[in-house]
């Protein structure tokens, strides 16, 4: 679980160091801008921006029941972040599995990609799709009830 937060914490610490140096140099406004910029990078690369992840077994069970795709992702992945942001509100309609906190999810991805942990991997109707276009993923969602 610690690995999930390494990059966001690194961004925050780096931002604090840069902002402190700039503030000590006599430019507090610029220091604040740097601090905000690094904080935004930390949030974007943290698991906070993604819907609450579920274990792989639970995601597959839910997907079989409601027909929604399962997305395997990991924090810090720019392609996962791109998919999440482009899906917008529709992101909450998918089942998200964090492969860094769920070894079974990582095993599913490795089986689908020939041994690599390439994400995002989206499973629709038991067929994996590696790094699909967000518009395609959106089209795979069942109609709202």
Foldseek 3Di string as FASTA:
>chain_A
DVVLQPVLVVLQVVLVVVLVVVVVVPDNVVSVVSNVVSNVVSCLQHCNLAPDADAPVVQVVVCVVQQAKEWEDGGPDVLVSVLSVVCPPCRVVHHYHDCVVYVVSQVVCCVLPVHDSQDGWIAGPNHIDGSDDSVVNNVSGDDDD
